[in-house]
Protein backbone atom coordinates (compact mmCIF):
# COMPACT_ATOMS: atom_id res chain seq x y z
CA MET A 1 -49.86 -60.95 -44.39
CA THR A 2 -52.56 -61.84 -42.81
CA GLU A 3 -52.96 -65.29 -41.21
CA VAL A 4 -56.34 -66.80 -41.83
CA LEU A 5 -57.54 -69.14 -39.08
CA PRO A 6 -59.41 -72.61 -39.97
CA VAL A 7 -63.19 -72.13 -39.57
CA GLU A 8 -63.27 -74.66 -36.47
CA GLU A 9 -60.78 -72.51 -34.55
CA ASN A 10 -62.71 -69.46 -35.17
CA ARG A 11 -66.26 -71.00 -33.86
CA GLU A 12 -64.31 -72.33 -30.90
CA ASP A 13 -63.02 -68.85 -29.77
CA ARG A 14 -66.25 -67.41 -30.42
CA VAL A 15 -67.76 -70.27 -28.41
CA ALA A 16 -65.29 -69.57 -25.43
CA SER A 17 -65.88 -65.89 -25.53
CA ILE A 18 -69.74 -66.07 -25.47
CA LEU A 19 -69.67 -68.41 -22.37
CA LYS A 20 -66.95 -65.75 -21.13
CA GLY A 21 -69.60 -63.09 -21.16
CA PHE A 22 -72.57 -64.83 -20.37
CA GLN A 23 -74.33 -65.05 -16.97
CA VAL A 24 -77.53 -66.01 -15.77
CA ASN A 25 -78.51 -63.06 -13.01
CA TRP A 26 -81.60 -64.87 -11.62
CA MET A 27 -84.60 -67.36 -12.57
CA ASN A 28 -87.94 -68.05 -10.77
CA LEU A 29 -90.84 -70.43 -11.47
CA ARG A 30 -94.36 -68.99 -10.82
CA ASP A 31 -97.98 -70.27 -10.93
CA ALA A 32 -99.16 -68.41 -14.06
CA ASP A 33 -102.46 -68.22 -12.90
CA THR A 34 -102.04 -66.67 -9.69
CA GLY A 35 -98.64 -64.94 -10.21
CA LYS A 36 -97.21 -66.36 -7.02
CA ILE A 37 -93.62 -67.26 -6.82
CA LEU A 38 -92.89 -70.73 -6.21
CA TRP A 39 -89.25 -71.03 -6.91
CA GLN A 40 -86.51 -68.45 -6.95
CA ASN A 41 -82.80 -68.64 -7.45
CA SER A 42 -80.03 -66.01 -7.97
CA GLU A 43 -77.58 -67.92 -8.32
CA ASP A 44 -75.20 -67.84 -11.83
CA MET A 45 -76.45 -70.87 -13.31
CA SER A 46 -74.69 -70.20 -16.46
CA ASN A 47 -71.58 -73.03 -16.45
CA PRO A 48 -72.53 -75.67 -18.60
CA ASP A 49 -69.82 -77.84 -16.93
CA ILE A 50 -71.90 -78.08 -13.78
CA GLU A 51 -75.42 -79.71 -13.23
CA HIS A 52 -77.54 -77.28 -11.48
CA GLU A 53 -80.15 -78.57 -9.06
CA ALA A 54 -83.20 -76.98 -8.32
CA ARG A 55 -85.74 -78.34 -5.43
CA VAL A 56 -89.07 -77.20 -6.50
CA PRO A 57 -92.02 -77.55 -4.36
CA LYS A 58 -94.65 -80.14 -5.41
CA ARG A 59 -97.46 -77.93 -5.37
CA ILE A 60 -95.90 -77.00 -8.58
CA LEU A 61 -97.75 -79.95 -9.94
CA LYS A 62 -101.20 -78.52 -9.19
CA CYS A 63 -100.83 -75.47 -11.38
CA ARG A 64 -102.52 -75.37 -14.78
CA VAL A 65 -99.58 -73.18 -15.99
CA VAL A 66 -96.23 -72.55 -14.54
CA SER A 67 -94.39 -69.12 -15.87
CA ARG A 68 -90.47 -69.43 -15.91
CA GLU A 69 -88.54 -66.15 -15.64
CA MET A 70 -84.94 -65.64 -16.31
CA ASN A 71 -82.83 -62.81 -16.20
CA PHE A 72 -79.52 -62.87 -18.23
CA SER A 73 -76.58 -60.71 -19.35
CA SER A 74 -74.29 -61.39 -22.44
CA ILE A 75 -71.19 -59.46 -23.51
CA GLU A 76 -71.62 -61.13 -26.83
CA SER A 77 -74.18 -60.86 -29.74
CA MET A 78 -75.83 -64.57 -30.24
CA ASP A 79 -77.92 -65.23 -33.16
CA ARG A 80 -79.99 -68.24 -31.68
CA PHE A 81 -80.00 -68.30 -28.12
CA ARG A 82 -81.93 -71.38 -26.77
CA LEU A 83 -82.47 -73.27 -23.53
CA GLU A 84 -82.76 -77.10 -23.17
CA GLN A 85 -84.27 -77.88 -20.08
CA LYS A 86 -84.46 -81.36 -18.61
CA VAL A 87 -86.56 -82.78 -15.76
CA LEU A 88 -84.94 -85.66 -14.12
CA PHE A 89 -86.50 -88.14 -11.64
CA LYS A 90 -84.33 -90.54 -9.63
CA GLY A 91 -81.50 -90.21 -12.52
CA ARG A 92 -83.70 -90.40 -15.45
CA CYS A 93 -85.16 -87.85 -17.83
CA LEU A 94 -89.02 -87.70 -17.76
CA GLU A 95 -89.69 -84.58 -19.86
CA GLU A 96 -87.11 -82.34 -22.04
CA TRP A 97 -88.08 -79.13 -23.39
CA PHE A 98 -86.56 -76.54 -25.95
CA PHE A 99 -87.29 -73.00 -25.83
CA GLU A 100 -85.83 -70.33 -28.51
CA PHE A 101 -85.15 -66.74 -27.54
CA GLY A 102 -83.62 -65.89 -30.66
CA PHE A 103 -80.79 -62.79 -31.35
CA VAL A 104 -79.30 -61.35 -28.15
CA ILE A 105 -77.87 -58.14 -28.44
CA ARG A 106 -74.39 -57.59 -27.43
CA ASN A 107 -73.57 -56.00 -23.86
CA SER A 108 -77.59 -56.57 -22.85
CA THR A 109 -79.32 -57.57 -19.94
CA ASN A 110 -82.74 -59.54 -20.77
CA THR A 111 -85.52 -61.08 -19.32
CA TRP A 112 -87.06 -63.91 -20.90
CA GLN A 113 -90.31 -65.47 -19.58
CA SER A 114 -91.66 -68.80 -21.19
CA VAL A 115 -95.07 -70.31 -20.24
CA ILE A 116 -95.42 -74.28 -19.73
CA GLU A 117 -98.85 -75.66 -19.92
CA SER A 118 -99.29 -79.01 -17.66
CA ALA A 119 -100.01 -82.06 -19.40
CA PRO A 120 -103.84 -83.39 -19.15
CA GLU A 121 -104.32 -85.04 -15.53
CA SER A 122 -104.39 -88.56 -17.09
CA GLN A 123 -100.92 -87.93 -18.29
CA MET A 124 -99.56 -86.55 -15.06
CA MET A 125 -97.21 -88.15 -12.47
CA PRO A 126 -99.11 -88.29 -8.94
CA ALA A 127 -97.26 -86.28 -6.42
CA ASN A 128 -97.07 -88.99 -3.94
CA VAL A 129 -94.56 -90.89 -6.50
CA LEU A 130 -92.08 -88.22 -5.71
CA LYS A 131 -91.05 -89.62 -2.58
């Protein structure tokens, strides 16, 4: 006789399997107008239990548009993969963005590029405040 596991147990196993087989290979931020890389990292940032810190140069604040490129691998397929990005300043969340990738094919490596446009200058924090 086949034993049927409760839905919640199946979901927990699925999440654990996805996390085990997921890896961020590299990520970069660039000035989208010039293509110049402003920050890059090849550290695996896929562990959700660790807060990952990125020290981005303040000249990024002068960019009209910033491009974020992320390369990741997944052993498992995912239906609605998304990325949440928070910008913290002195421990306080200033901005929060949600990016939708969508379906991820199992056993694949993908490069995902997102474009972030700057707010109007009247809504921008002056760079000298970031000391």
